Amino acid sequence: SNAFYTRTSFTDIAGWRKLLVVTNEFHIERSKAIFDWIFHAPATSSATNDDGGYEMYYLSCNNIGLTSEAIQARKEHEKRGEINVKSKLAREYLTLK
């Protein structure tokens, strides 16, 4: 939902087209999958998919303060989420509406 509300409440309204997404290293791949999906989807089914002119950049922060077990558990959880986004959600929901 962060990607959806970022686009619909901020970037589309303000006209921002260069975006930097910053998150933890263990979370970056799922975040990238979600933000790429949302920011490249047309707003409606009648709109053309011209990518909205968005330039997406990603920066990951080190996983500081977590045990190696916690990091591994988070990575496994995030991987399942990334697969779900790519194989199901992005294929089922092709527009923002």
N, C-alpha and C. Protein backbone atom coordinates (compact mmCIF):
# COMPACT_ATOMS: atom_id res chain seq x y z
N SER A 1 0.81 -1.20 0.00
CA SER A 1 0.00 0.00 0.00
C SER A 1 0.85 1.26 0.00
N ASN A 2 2.09 1.20 0.47
CA ASN A 2 2.95 2.39 0.43
C ASN A 2 3.14 2.88 -1.00
N ALA A 3 3.37 1.97 -1.92
CA ALA A 3 3.58 2.36 -3.31
C ALA A 3 2.31 2.97 -3.91
N PHE A 4 1.18 2.35 -3.67
CA PHE A 4 -0.08 2.84 -4.22
C PHE A 4 -0.39 4.24 -3.71
N TYR A 5 -0.30 4.43 -2.40
CA TYR A 5 -0.62 5.75 -1.84
C TYR A 5 0.45 6.80 -2.17
N THR A 6 1.69 6.37 -2.32
CA THR A 6 2.72 7.31 -2.76
C THR A 6 2.38 7.84 -4.14
N ARG A 7 1.97 6.94 -5.01
CA ARG A 7 1.63 7.37 -6.38
C ARG A 7 0.35 8.19 -6.41
N THR A 8 -0.72 7.68 -5.82
CA THR A 8 -2.02 8.35 -5.96
C THR A 8 -2.16 9.59 -5.10
N SER A 9 -1.45 9.68 -4.01
CA SER A 9 -1.58 10.84 -3.11
C SER A 9 -0.47 11.87 -3.27
N PHE A 10 0.63 11.50 -3.88
CA PHE A 10 1.76 12.42 -3.97
C PHE A 10 2.30 12.60 -5.39
N THR A 11 2.87 11.54 -5.95
CA THR A 11 3.62 11.72 -7.20
C THR A 11 2.74 12.12 -8.38
N ASP A 12 1.58 11.47 -8.55
CA ASP A 12 0.69 11.84 -9.65
C ASP A 12 0.17 13.27 -9.48
N ILE A 13 -0.08 13.67 -8.25
CA ILE A 13 -0.62 15.01 -7.97
C ILE A 13 0.46 16.07 -8.11
N ALA A 14 1.62 15.82 -7.53
CA ALA A 14 2.70 16.81 -7.53
C ALA A 14 3.52 16.81 -8.82
N GLY A 15 3.38 15.76 -9.61
CA GLY A 15 4.13 15.67 -10.85
C GLY A 15 5.57 15.19 -10.66
N TRP A 16 5.85 14.60 -9.51
CA TRP A 16 7.20 14.06 -9.28
C TRP A 16 7.41 12.86 -10.17
N ARG A 17 8.53 12.79 -10.85
CA ARG A 17 8.79 11.69 -11.76
C ARG A 17 10.07 10.93 -11.44
N LYS A 18 10.95 11.48 -10.64
CA LYS A 18 12.16 10.78 -10.20
C LYS A 18 11.96 10.40 -8.75
N LEU A 19 12.02 9.11 -8.48
CA LEU A 19 11.74 8.62 -7.14
C LEU A 19 12.87 7.75 -6.61
N LEU A 20 13.20 7.96 -5.36
CA LEU A 20 14.18 7.13 -4.67
C LEU A 20 13.48 6.42 -3.53
N VAL A 21 13.48 5.10 -3.57
CA VAL A 21 12.89 4.27 -2.53
C VAL A 21 14.03 3.75 -1.67
N VAL A 22 13.96 4.03 -0.37
CA VAL A 22 14.99 3.61 0.58
C VAL A 22 14.37 2.65 1.58
N THR A 23 14.99 1.50 1.74
CA THR A 23 14.49 0.52 2.72
C THR A 23 15.63 -0.41 3.11
N ASN A 24 15.35 -1.31 4.04
CA ASN A 24 16.35 -2.27 4.49
C ASN A 24 16.75 -3.22 3.37
N GLU A 25 17.96 -3.73 3.49
CA GLU A 25 18.48 -4.66 2.50
C GLU A 25 17.57 -5.88 2.34
N PHE A 26 17.08 -6.42 3.46
CA PHE A 26 16.24 -7.63 3.37
C PHE A 26 14.91 -7.36 2.68
N HIS A 27 14.51 -6.11 2.58
CA HIS A 27 13.20 -5.72 2.07
C HIS A 27 13.26 -5.16 0.64
N ILE A 28 14.44 -4.92 0.11
CA ILE A 28 14.58 -4.15 -1.13
C ILE A 28 13.98 -4.84 -2.35
N GLU A 29 14.14 -6.14 -2.50
CA GLU A 29 13.64 -6.81 -3.71
C GLU A 29 12.12 -6.82 -3.77
N ARG A 30 11.45 -7.06 -2.65
CA ARG A 30 9.97 -7.02 -2.65
C ARG A 30 9.50 -5.59 -2.87
N SER A 31 10.16 -4.62 -2.25
CA SER A 31 9.80 -3.22 -2.45
C SER A 31 9.95 -2.84 -3.92
N LYS A 32 11.04 -3.27 -4.53
CA LYS A 32 11.27 -2.97 -5.94
C LYS A 32 10.17 -3.59 -6.80
N ALA A 33 9.81 -4.82 -6.53
CA ALA A 33 8.75 -5.48 -7.30
C ALA A 33 7.43 -4.72 -7.18
N ILE A 34 7.10 -4.28 -5.97
CA ILE A 34 5.85 -3.56 -5.75
C ILE A 34 5.88 -2.18 -6.40
N PHE A 35 6.92 -1.41 -6.15
CA PHE A 35 7.00 -0.06 -6.71
C PHE A 35 7.08 -0.10 -8.23
N ASP A 36 7.83 -1.03 -8.81
CA ASP A 36 7.89 -1.15 -10.27
C ASP A 36 6.51 -1.48 -10.84
N TRP A 37 5.79 -2.37 -10.20
CA TRP A 37 4.44 -2.74 -10.64
C TRP A 37 3.51 -1.52 -10.58
N ILE A 38 3.44 -0.87 -9.45
CA ILE A 38 2.50 0.24 -9.26
C ILE A 38 2.87 1.45 -10.13
N PHE A 39 4.12 1.77 -10.23
CA PHE A 39 4.51 2.97 -10.96
C PHE A 39 4.60 2.76 -12.47
N HIS A 40 4.42 1.53 -12.94
CA HIS A 40 4.38 1.29 -14.38
C HIS A 40 2.99 0.85 -14.83
N ALA A 41 2.03 0.80 -13.92
CA ALA A 41 0.66 0.45 -14.27
C ALA A 41 -0.09 1.70 -14.74
N PRO A 42 -0.92 1.56 -15.79
CA PRO A 42 -1.74 2.71 -16.18
C PRO A 42 -2.79 3.00 -15.11
N ALA A 43 -3.22 4.25 -15.03
CA ALA A 43 -4.20 4.64 -14.00
C ALA A 43 -5.54 3.96 -14.22
N THR A 44 -5.95 3.79 -15.47
CA THR A 44 -7.22 3.15 -15.79
C THR A 44 -7.02 2.19 -16.96
N SER A 45 -8.03 1.40 -17.23
CA SER A 45 -7.93 0.45 -18.34
C SER A 45 -7.93 1.15 -19.69
N SER A 46 -8.45 2.38 -19.76
CA SER A 46 -8.45 3.11 -21.03
C SER A 46 -7.17 3.91 -21.25
N ALA A 47 -6.36 4.02 -20.21
CA ALA A 47 -5.11 4.76 -20.33
C ALA A 47 -4.06 3.89 -21.01
N THR A 48 -3.14 4.52 -21.69
CA THR A 48 -2.04 3.76 -22.29
C THR A 48 -0.98 3.54 -21.23
N ASN A 49 -0.27 2.46 -21.35
CA ASN A 49 0.79 2.16 -20.40
C ASN A 49 2.10 2.75 -20.90
N ASP A 50 2.28 4.03 -20.64
CA ASP A 50 3.50 4.70 -21.08
C ASP A 50 4.50 4.84 -19.95
N ASP A 51 4.31 4.07 -18.90
CA ASP A 51 5.17 4.07 -17.71
C ASP A 51 5.08 5.37 -16.92
N GLY A 52 4.25 6.29 -17.32
CA GLY A 52 4.07 7.53 -16.59
C GLY A 52 5.30 8.41 -16.54
N GLY A 53 6.34 8.01 -17.23
CA GLY A 53 7.56 8.80 -17.22
C GLY A 53 8.33 8.72 -15.92
N TYR A 54 8.08 7.72 -15.11
CA TYR A 54 8.75 7.60 -13.82
C TYR A 54 10.15 7.04 -13.97
N GLU A 55 11.07 7.61 -13.23
CA GLU A 55 12.42 7.08 -13.09
C GLU A 55 12.53 6.58 -11.66
N MET A 56 12.67 5.28 -11.51
CA MET A 56 12.70 4.66 -10.20
C MET A 56 14.14 4.31 -9.81
N TYR A 57 14.51 4.69 -8.60
CA TYR A 57 15.83 4.37 -8.05
C TYR A 57 15.62 3.72 -6.69
N TYR A 58 16.52 2.81 -6.34
CA TYR A 58 16.39 2.05 -5.10
C TYR A 58 17.70 2.08 -4.34
N LEU A 59 17.59 2.25 -3.04
CA LEU A 59 18.76 2.27 -2.16
C LEU A 59 18.44 1.41 -0.94
N SER A 60 19.31 0.44 -0.67
CA SER A 60 19.10 -0.41 0.50
C SER A 60 20.06 -0.01 1.61
N CYS A 61 19.56 -0.11 2.82
CA CYS A 61 20.36 0.16 4.02
C CYS A 61 20.78 -1.16 4.64
N ASN A 62 21.91 -1.17 5.29
CA ASN A 62 22.39 -2.38 5.94
C ASN A 62 21.40 -2.87 7.00
N ASN A 63 21.38 -4.16 7.18
CA ASN A 63 20.50 -4.78 8.18
C ASN A 63 21.15 -4.73 9.56
N ILE A 64 21.25 -3.56 10.11
CA ILE A 64 21.91 -3.36 11.40
C ILE A 64 20.90 -3.55 12.53
N GLY A 65 21.33 -4.19 13.58
CA GLY A 65 20.49 -4.33 14.77
C GLY A 65 19.63 -5.58 14.79
N LEU A 66 19.78 -6.43 13.79
CA LEU A 66 19.03 -7.67 13.75
C LEU A 66 19.98 -8.85 13.83
N THR A 67 19.53 -9.90 14.48
CA THR A 67 20.34 -11.11 14.53
C THR A 67 20.36 -11.75 13.15
N SER A 68 21.32 -12.61 12.91
CA SER A 68 21.38 -13.30 11.62
C SER A 68 20.14 -14.17 11.41
N GLU A 69 19.61 -14.73 12.49
CA GLU A 69 18.39 -15.54 12.39
C GLU A 69 17.20 -14.68 11.99
N ALA A 70 17.10 -13.48 12.57
CA ALA A 70 16.00 -12.57 12.25
C ALA A 70 16.11 -12.10 10.80
N ILE A 71 17.31 -11.81 10.37
CA ILE A 71 17.52 -11.38 8.98
C ILE A 71 17.12 -12.49 8.02
N GLN A 72 17.54 -13.71 8.32
CA GLN A 72 17.20 -14.85 7.45
C GLN A 72 15.69 -15.05 7.41
N ALA A 73 15.01 -14.96 8.54
CA ALA A 73 13.56 -15.10 8.58
C ALA A 73 12.88 -14.00 7.76
N ARG A 74 13.37 -12.78 7.87
CA ARG A 74 12.81 -11.66 7.10
C ARG A 74 13.03 -11.88 5.61
N LYS A 75 14.22 -12.32 5.23
CA LYS A 75 14.52 -12.58 3.82
C LYS A 75 13.58 -13.62 3.24
N GLU A 76 13.32 -14.68 3.99
CA GLU A 76 12.42 -15.73 3.52
C GLU A 76 11.00 -15.20 3.37
N HIS A 77 10.55 -14.42 4.34
CA HIS A 77 9.22 -13.81 4.28
C HIS A 77 9.11 -12.87 3.08
N GLU A 78 10.11 -12.03 2.89
CA GLU A 78 10.10 -11.06 1.80
C GLU A 78 10.14 -11.75 0.44
N LYS A 79 10.87 -12.84 0.32
CA LYS A 79 10.94 -13.58 -0.94
C LYS A 79 9.58 -14.14 -1.31
N ARG A 80 8.85 -14.69 -0.32
CA ARG A 80 7.50 -15.18 -0.59
C ARG A 80 6.60 -14.04 -1.07
N GLY A 81 6.73 -12.88 -0.44
CA GLY A 81 5.94 -11.72 -0.85
C GLY A 81 6.29 -11.25 -2.24
N GLU A 82 7.57 -11.23 -2.57
CA GLU A 82 8.02 -10.82 -3.91
C GLU A 82 7.45 -11.76 -4.97
N ILE A 83 7.49 -13.06 -4.71
CA ILE A 83 6.94 -14.03 -5.66
C ILE A 83 5.45 -13.81 -5.84
N ASN A 84 4.73 -13.55 -4.76
CA ASN A 84 3.29 -13.30 -4.83
C ASN A 84 2.99 -12.07 -5.68
N VAL A 85 3.75 -11.01 -5.50
CA VAL A 85 3.55 -9.79 -6.29
C VAL A 85 3.75 -10.08 -7.77
N LYS A 86 4.86 -10.71 -8.11
CA LYS A 86 5.20 -10.94 -9.51
C LYS A 86 4.31 -11.98 -10.18
N SER A 87 3.98 -13.05 -9.49
CA SER A 87 3.25 -14.15 -10.13
C SER A 87 1.74 -14.02 -10.03
N LYS A 88 1.24 -13.24 -9.06
CA LYS A 88 -0.22 -13.15 -8.90
C LYS A 88 -0.72 -11.71 -9.00
N LEU A 89 -0.33 -10.87 -8.08
CA LEU A 89 -0.92 -9.54 -7.97
C LEU A 89 -0.71 -8.69 -9.22
N ALA A 90 0.51 -8.61 -9.70
CA ALA A 90 0.81 -7.77 -10.87
C ALA A 90 0.13 -8.30 -12.13
N ARG A 91 -0.18 -9.56 -12.15
CA ARG A 91 -0.87 -10.15 -13.31
C ARG A 91 -2.38 -9.99 -13.21
N GLU A 92 -2.89 -9.94 -11.98
CA GLU A 92 -4.33 -9.80 -11.78
C GLU A 92 -4.79 -8.35 -11.82
N TYR A 93 -4.00 -7.45 -11.24
CA TYR A 93 -4.36 -6.05 -11.17
C TYR A 93 -3.46 -5.26 -12.12
N LEU A 94 -4.00 -4.99 -13.31
CA LEU A 94 -3.20 -4.39 -14.36
C LEU A 94 -3.29 -2.86 -14.39
N THR A 95 -4.24 -2.30 -13.66
CA THR A 95 -4.39 -0.85 -13.59
C THR A 95 -4.54 -0.44 -12.13
N LEU A 96 -4.54 0.86 -11.85
CA LEU A 96 -4.72 1.34 -10.48
C LEU A 96 -6.17 1.34 -10.06
N LYS A 97 -7.10 1.22 -10.98
CA LYS A 97 -8.53 1.24 -10.64
C LYS A 97 -9.07 -0.15 -10.49
